[in-house]
């Protein structure tokens, strides 16, 4: 799901949910997000950073604790 910062207060015309300035708007509907951006309610999409987990043994694996 994509997320966008709310830059101006608005009430979603479909869900009737209130989004105050500074909150986040989550959607999978790219057309709706673009419409809200054009009307000045949403900022640019915030890209989700993915973390890659390392492969192999953890450095601490096999270490005995006292």
PDB file of N, CA and C in Angstrom:
ATOM      1  N   UNK A   1       0.846  -1.172   0.000  1.00  0.00           N
ATOM      2  CA  UNK A   1       0.000   0.000   0.000  1.00  0.00           C
ATOM      3  C   UNK A   1       0.895   1.241   0.000  1.00  0.00           C
ATOM      4  N   UNK A   2       0.543   2.199  -0.817  1.00  0.00           N
ATOM      5  CA  UNK A   2       1.328   3.431  -0.914  1.00  0.00           C
ATOM      6  C   UNK A   2       0.857   4.427   0.134  1.00  0.00           C
ATOM      7  N   UNK A   3       1.781   5.281   0.548  1.00  0.00           N
ATOM      8  CA  UNK A   3       1.425   6.287   1.550  1.00  0.00           C
ATOM      9  C   UNK A   3       1.851   7.673   1.083  1.00  0.00           C
ATOM     10  N   UNK A   4       1.030   8.652   1.462  1.00  0.00           N
ATOM     11  CA  UNK A   4       1.231  10.035   1.052  1.00  0.00           C
ATOM     12  C   UNK A   4       1.034  10.948   2.262  1.00  0.00           C
ATOM     13  N   UNK A   5       1.851  11.985   2.395  1.00  0.00           N
ATOM     14  CA  UNK A   5       1.629  12.935   3.492  1.00  0.00           C
ATOM     15  C   UNK A   5       0.464  13.868   3.141  1.00  0.00           C
ATOM     16  N   UNK A   6      -0.369  14.153   4.124  1.00  0.00           N
ATOM     17  CA  UNK A   6      -1.481  15.088   3.933  1.00  0.00           C
ATOM     18  C   UNK A   6      -0.935  16.496   4.166  1.00  0.00           C
ATOM     19  N   UNK A   7      -1.047  17.354   3.144  1.00  0.00           N
ATOM     20  CA  UNK A   7      -0.499  18.707   3.255  1.00  0.00           C
ATOM     21  C   UNK A   7      -1.585  19.759   3.489  1.00  0.00           C
ATOM     22  N   UNK A   8      -2.847  19.384   3.322  1.00  0.00           N
ATOM     23  CA  UNK A   8      -3.986  20.248   3.641  1.00  0.00           C
ATOM     24  C   UNK A   8      -5.129  19.373   4.150  1.00  0.00           C
ATOM     25  N   UNK A   9      -5.816  19.834   5.196  1.00  0.00           N
ATOM     26  CA  UNK A   9      -6.942  19.079   5.751  1.00  0.00           C
ATOM     27  C   UNK A   9      -7.971  18.770   4.662  1.00  0.00           C
ATOM     28  N   UNK A  10      -8.556  17.574   4.723  1.00  0.00           N
ATOM     29  CA  UNK A  10      -9.667  17.256   3.829  1.00  0.00           C
ATOM     30  C   UNK A  10     -10.488  16.106   4.392  1.00  0.00           C
ATOM     31  N   UNK A  11     -11.706  15.989   3.886  1.00  0.00           N
ATOM     32  CA  UNK A  11     -12.574  14.856   4.195  1.00  0.00           C
ATOM     33  C   UNK A  11     -12.736  14.081   2.898  1.00  0.00           C
ATOM     34  N   UNK A  12     -12.387  12.808   2.923  1.00  0.00           N
ATOM     35  CA  UNK A  12     -12.480  11.967   1.730  1.00  0.00           C
ATOM     36  C   UNK A  12     -13.946  11.859   1.310  1.00  0.00           C
ATOM     37  N   UNK A  13     -14.217  12.172   0.045  1.00  0.00           N
ATOM     38  CA  UNK A  13     -15.608  12.189  -0.419  1.00  0.00           C
ATOM     39  C   UNK A  13     -16.218  10.794  -0.517  1.00  0.00           C
ATOM     40  N   UNK A  14     -15.382   9.759  -0.553  1.00  0.00           N
ATOM     41  CA  UNK A  14     -15.905   8.397  -0.642  1.00  0.00           C
ATOM     42  C   UNK A  14     -16.073   7.755   0.728  1.00  0.00           C
ATOM     43  N   UNK A  15     -15.083   7.907   1.586  1.00  0.00           N
ATOM     44  CA  UNK A  15     -15.125   7.251   2.902  1.00  0.00           C
ATOM     45  C   UNK A  15     -15.650   8.165   4.001  1.00  0.00           C
ATOM     46  N   UNK A  16     -15.716   9.468   3.723  1.00  0.00           N
ATOM     47  CA  UNK A  16     -16.127  10.489   4.703  1.00  0.00           C
ATOM     48  C   UNK A  16     -15.157  10.574   5.883  1.00  0.00           C
ATOM     49  N   UNK A  17     -13.952  10.026   5.703  1.00  0.00           N
ATOM     50  CA  UNK A  17     -12.935  10.071   6.760  1.00  0.00           C
ATOM     51  C   UNK A  17     -12.183  11.399   6.691  1.00  0.00           C
ATOM     52  N   UNK A  18     -11.930  11.984   7.870  1.00  0.00           N
ATOM     53  CA  UNK A  18     -11.215  13.255   7.977  1.00  0.00           C
ATOM     54  C   UNK A  18      -9.716  12.995   8.042  1.00  0.00           C
ATOM     55  N   UNK A  19      -8.944  13.730   7.236  1.00  0.00           N
ATOM     56  CA  UNK A  19      -7.487  13.632   7.223  1.00  0.00           C
ATOM     57  C   UNK A  19      -6.908  15.006   7.552  1.00  0.00           C
ATOM     58  N   UNK A  20      -6.367  15.172   8.752  1.00  0.00           N
ATOM     59  CA  UNK A  20      -5.777  16.468   9.108  1.00  0.00           C
ATOM     60  C   UNK A  20      -4.388  16.635   8.491  1.00  0.00           C
ATOM     61  N   UNK A  21      -3.994  17.879   8.297  1.00  0.00           N
ATOM     62  CA  UNK A  21      -2.652  18.190   7.801  1.00  0.00           C
ATOM     63  C   UNK A  21      -1.625  17.535   8.724  1.00  0.00           C
ATOM     64  N   UNK A  22      -0.620  16.890   8.129  1.00  0.00           N
ATOM     65  CA  UNK A  22       0.423  16.231   8.908  1.00  0.00           C
ATOM     66  C   UNK A  22       0.192  14.743   9.091  1.00  0.00           C
ATOM     67  N   UNK A  23      -1.009  14.262   8.741  1.00  0.00           N
ATOM     68  CA  UNK A  23      -1.279  12.826   8.861  1.00  0.00           C
ATOM     69  C   UNK A  23      -0.857  12.119   7.572  1.00  0.00           C
ATOM     70  N   UNK A  24      -1.083  10.819   7.515  1.00  0.00           N
ATOM     71  CA  UNK A  24      -0.727  10.032   6.340  1.00  0.00           C
ATOM     72  C   UNK A  24      -1.987   9.488   5.682  1.00  0.00           C
ATOM     73  N   UNK A  25      -1.974   9.431   4.359  1.00  0.00           N
ATOM     74  CA  UNK A  25      -3.073   8.868   3.574  1.00  0.00           C
ATOM     75  C   UNK A  25      -2.538   7.612   2.913  1.00  0.00           C
ATOM     76  N   UNK A  26      -3.186   6.478   3.154  1.00  0.00           N
ATOM     77  CA  UNK A  26      -2.761   5.194   2.605  1.00  0.00           C
ATOM     78  C   UNK A  26      -3.766   4.734   1.559  1.00  0.00           C
ATOM     79  N   UNK A  27      -3.267   4.304   0.388  1.00  0.00           N
ATOM     80  CA  UNK A  27      -4.164   3.834  -0.665  1.00  0.00           C
ATOM     81  C   UNK A  27      -3.414   2.972  -1.673  1.00  0.00           C
ATOM     82  N   UNK A  28      -4.174   2.136  -2.367  1.00  0.00           N
ATOM     83  CA  UNK A  28      -3.650   1.387  -3.508  1.00  0.00           C
ATOM     84  C   UNK A  28      -4.192   1.977  -4.807  1.00  0.00           C
ATOM     85  N   UNK A  29      -5.047   2.985  -4.699  1.00  0.00           N
ATOM     86  CA  UNK A  29      -5.698   3.610  -5.844  1.00  0.00           C
ATOM     87  C   UNK A  29      -4.857   4.791  -6.339  1.00  0.00           C
ATOM     88  N   UNK A  30      -4.018   4.530  -7.347  1.00  0.00           N
ATOM     89  CA  UNK A  30      -3.108   5.556  -7.863  1.00  0.00           C
ATOM     90  C   UNK A  30      -3.872   6.742  -8.450  1.00  0.00           C
ATOM     91  N   UNK A  31      -5.001   6.487  -9.103  1.00  0.00           N
ATOM     92  CA  UNK A  31      -5.784   7.573  -9.702  1.00  0.00           C
ATOM     93  C   UNK A  31      -6.348   8.503  -8.630  1.00  0.00           C
ATOM     94  N   UNK A  32      -6.829   7.924  -7.540  1.00  0.00           N
ATOM     95  CA  UNK A  32      -7.377   8.732  -6.440  1.00  0.00           C
ATOM     96  C   UNK A  32      -6.274   9.570  -5.797  1.00  0.00           C
ATOM     97  N   UNK A  33      -5.115   8.963  -5.597  1.00  0.00           N
ATOM     98  CA  UNK A  33      -3.992   9.693  -5.007  1.00  0.00           C
ATOM     99  C   UNK A  33      -3.579  10.857  -5.910  1.00  0.00           C
ATOM    100  N   UNK A  34      -3.534  10.611  -7.216  1.00  0.00           N
ATOM    101  CA  UNK A  34      -3.161  11.669  -8.158  1.00  0.00           C
ATOM    102  C   UNK A  34      -4.193  12.803  -8.133  1.00  0.00           C
ATOM    103  N   UNK A  35      -5.468  12.448  -8.058  1.00  0.00           N
ATOM    104  CA  UNK A  35      -6.530  13.457  -7.979  1.00  0.00           C
ATOM    105  C   UNK A  35      -6.358  14.332  -6.736  1.00  0.00           C
ATOM    106  N   UNK A  36      -6.088  13.699  -5.598  1.00  0.00           N
ATOM    107  CA  UNK A  36      -5.909  14.448  -4.350  1.00  0.00           C
ATOM    108  C   UNK A  36      -4.639  15.295  -4.378  1.00  0.00           C
ATOM    109  N   UNK A  37      -3.607  14.821  -5.075  1.00  0.00           N
ATOM    110  CA  UNK A  37      -2.384  15.613  -5.225  1.00  0.00           C
ATOM    111  C   UNK A  37      -2.665  16.851  -6.084  1.00  0.00           C
ATOM    112  N   UNK A  38      -3.381  16.661  -7.183  1.00  0.00           N
ATOM    113  CA  UNK A  38      -3.690  17.780  -8.079  1.00  0.00           C
ATOM    114  C   UNK A  38      -4.543  18.843  -7.391  1.00  0.00           C
ATOM    115  N   UNK A  39      -5.374  18.409  -6.440  1.00  0.00           N
ATOM    116  CA  UNK A  39      -6.226  19.348  -5.709  1.00  0.00           C
ATOM    117  C   UNK A  39      -5.506  19.969  -4.516  1.00  0.00           C
ATOM    118  N   UNK A  40      -4.250  19.549  -4.281  1.00  0.00           N
ATOM    119  CA  UNK A  40      -3.444  20.166  -3.234  1.00  0.00           C
ATOM    120  C   UNK A  40      -3.614  19.579  -1.844  1.00  0.00           C
ATOM    121  N   UNK A  41      -4.149  18.363  -1.760  1.00  0.00           N
ATOM    122  CA  UNK A  41      -4.348  17.736  -0.451  1.00  0.00           C
ATOM    123  C   UNK A  41      -3.212  16.798  -0.047  1.00  0.00           C
ATOM    124  N   UNK A  42      -2.565  16.180  -1.031  1.00  0.00           N
ATOM    125  CA  UNK A  42      -1.505  15.214  -0.736  1.00  0.00           C
ATOM    126  C   UNK A  42      -0.174  15.647  -1.321  1.00  0.00           C
ATOM    127  N   UNK A  43       0.899  15.276  -0.619  1.00  0.00           N
ATOM    128  CA  UNK A  43       2.248  15.488  -1.123  1.00  0.00           C
ATOM    129  C   UNK A  43       2.678  14.283  -1.951  1.00  0.00           C
ATOM    130  N   UNK A  44       3.947  14.237  -2.283  1.00  0.00           N
ATOM    131  CA  UNK A  44       4.489  13.133  -3.074  1.00  0.00           C
ATOM    132  C   UNK A  44       4.493  11.841  -2.271  1.00  0.00           C
ATOM    133  N   UNK A  45       4.381  10.737  -2.986  1.00  0.00           N
ATOM    134  CA  UNK A  45       4.392   9.417  -2.350  1.00  0.00           C
ATOM    135  C   UNK A  45       5.658   9.229  -1.527  1.00  0.00           C
ATOM    136  N   UNK A  46       5.500   8.647  -0.365  1.00  0.00           N
ATOM    137  CA  UNK A  46       6.646   8.307   0.472  1.00  0.00           C
ATOM    138  C   UNK A  46       7.022   6.876   0.143  1.00  0.00           C
ATOM    139  N   UNK A  47       8.210   6.716  -0.399  1.00  0.00           N
ATOM    140  CA  UNK A  47       8.671   5.383  -0.795  1.00  0.00           C
ATOM    141  C   UNK A  47       9.021   4.569   0.433  1.00  0.00           C
ATOM    142  N   UNK A  48       8.551   3.340   0.463  1.00  0.00           N
ATOM    143  CA  UNK A  48       8.858   2.424   1.560  1.00  0.00           C
ATOM    144  C   UNK A  48      10.247   1.844   1.308  1.00  0.00           C
ATOM    145  N   UNK A  49      11.101   1.905   2.299  1.00  0.00           N
ATOM    146  CA  UNK A  49      12.414   1.292   2.161  1.00  0.00           C
ATOM    147  C   UNK A  49      12.321  -0.135   2.672  1.00  0.00           C
ATOM    148  N   UNK A  50      12.879  -1.038   1.902  1.00  0.00           N
ATOM    149  CA  UNK A  50      12.850  -2.436   2.316  1.00  0.00           C
ATOM    150  C   UNK A  50      14.201  -2.793   2.899  1.00  0.00           C
ATOM    151  N   UNK A  51      14.173  -3.550   3.945  1.00  0.00           N
ATOM    152  CA  UNK A  51      15.423  -3.987   4.555  1.00  0.00           C
ATOM    153  C   UNK A  51      15.700  -5.402   4.109  1.00  0.00           C
ATOM    154  N   UNK A  52      16.923  -5.626   3.716  1.00  0.00           N
ATOM    155  CA  UNK A  52      17.313  -6.962   3.284  1.00  0.00           C
ATOM    156  C   UNK A  52      17.955  -7.678   4.453  1.00  0.00           C
ATOM    157  N   UNK A  53      17.493  -8.862   4.686  1.00  0.00           N
ATOM    158  CA  UNK A  53      18.059  -9.647   5.777  1.00  0.00           C
ATOM    159  C   UNK A  53      19.232 -10.450   5.229  1.00  0.00           C
ATOM    160  N   UNK A  54      20.293 -10.481   6.005  1.00  0.00           N
ATOM    161  CA  UNK A  54      21.479 -11.217   5.587  1.00  0.00           C
ATOM    162  C   UNK A  54      21.246 -12.711   5.593  1.00  0.00           C
ATOM    163  N   UNK A  55      21.994 -13.384   4.770  1.00  0.00           N
ATOM    164  CA  UNK A  55      21.897 -14.839   4.716  1.00  0.00           C
ATOM    165  C   UNK A  55      22.998 -15.439   5.563  1.00  0.00           C
ATOM    166  N   UNK A  56      22.794 -16.636   5.967  1.00  0.00           N
ATOM    167  CA  UNK A  56      23.834 -17.332   6.713  1.00  0.00           C
ATOM    168  C   UNK A  56      23.643 -17.221   8.201  1.00  0.00           C
ATOM    169  N   UNK A  57      24.677 -17.603   8.879  1.00  0.00           N
ATOM    170  CA  UNK A  57      24.641 -17.671  10.334  1.00  0.00           C
ATOM    171  C   UNK A  57      24.775 -16.299  10.971  1.00  0.00           C
ATOM    172  N   UNK A  58      24.059 -16.115  12.040  1.00  0.00           N
ATOM    173  CA  UNK A  58      24.192 -14.898  12.833  1.00  0.00           C
ATOM    174  C   UNK A  58      25.554 -14.950  13.525  1.00  0.00           C
ATOM    175  N   UNK A  59      26.202 -13.820  13.671  1.00  0.00           N
ATOM    176  CA  UNK A  59      27.524 -13.767  14.293  1.00  0.00           C
ATOM    177  C   UNK A  59      27.497 -14.372  15.693  1.00  0.00           C
ATOM    178  N   UNK A  60      26.408 -14.162  16.422  1.00  0.00           N
ATOM    179  CA  UNK A  60      26.314 -14.651  17.792  1.00  0.00           C
ATOM    180  C   UNK A  60      25.853 -16.105  17.887  1.00  0.00           C
ATOM    181  N   UNK A  61      25.495 -16.725  16.783  1.00  0.00           N
ATOM    182  CA  UNK A  61      25.060 -18.122  16.837  1.00  0.00           C
ATOM    183  C   UNK A  61      26.200 -18.999  17.325  1.00  0.00           C
ATOM    184  N   UNK A  62      25.895 -19.864  18.234  1.00  0.00           N
ATOM    185  CA  UNK A  62      26.900 -20.788  18.736  1.00  0.00           C
ATOM    186  C   UNK A  62      27.708 -20.241  19.890  1.00  0.00           C
ATOM    187  N   UNK A  63      27.557 -18.976  20.191  1.00  0.00           N
ATOM    188  CA  UNK A  63      28.293 -18.378  21.297  1.00  0.00           C
ATOM    189  C   UNK A  63      27.584 -18.743  22.600  1.00  0.00           C
ATOM    190  N   UNK A  64      28.349 -19.191  23.550  1.00  0.00           N
ATOM    191  CA  UNK A  64      27.762 -19.570  24.833  1.00  0.00           C
ATOM    192  C   UNK A  64      27.641 -18.346  25.721  1.00  0.00           C
ATOM    193  N   UNK A  65      26.565 -18.310  26.501  1.00  0.00           N
ATOM    194  CA  UNK A  65      26.385 -17.210  27.442  1.00  0.00           C
ATOM    195  C   UNK A  65      26.669 -17.700  28.844  1.00  0.00           C
ATOM    196  N   UNK A  66      27.100 -16.790  29.665  1.00  0.00           N
ATOM    197  CA  UNK A  66      27.421 -17.163  31.049  1.00  0.00           C
ATOM    198  C   UNK A  66      26.289 -16.857  31.969  1.00  0.00           C
TER     199      UNK A  66
END
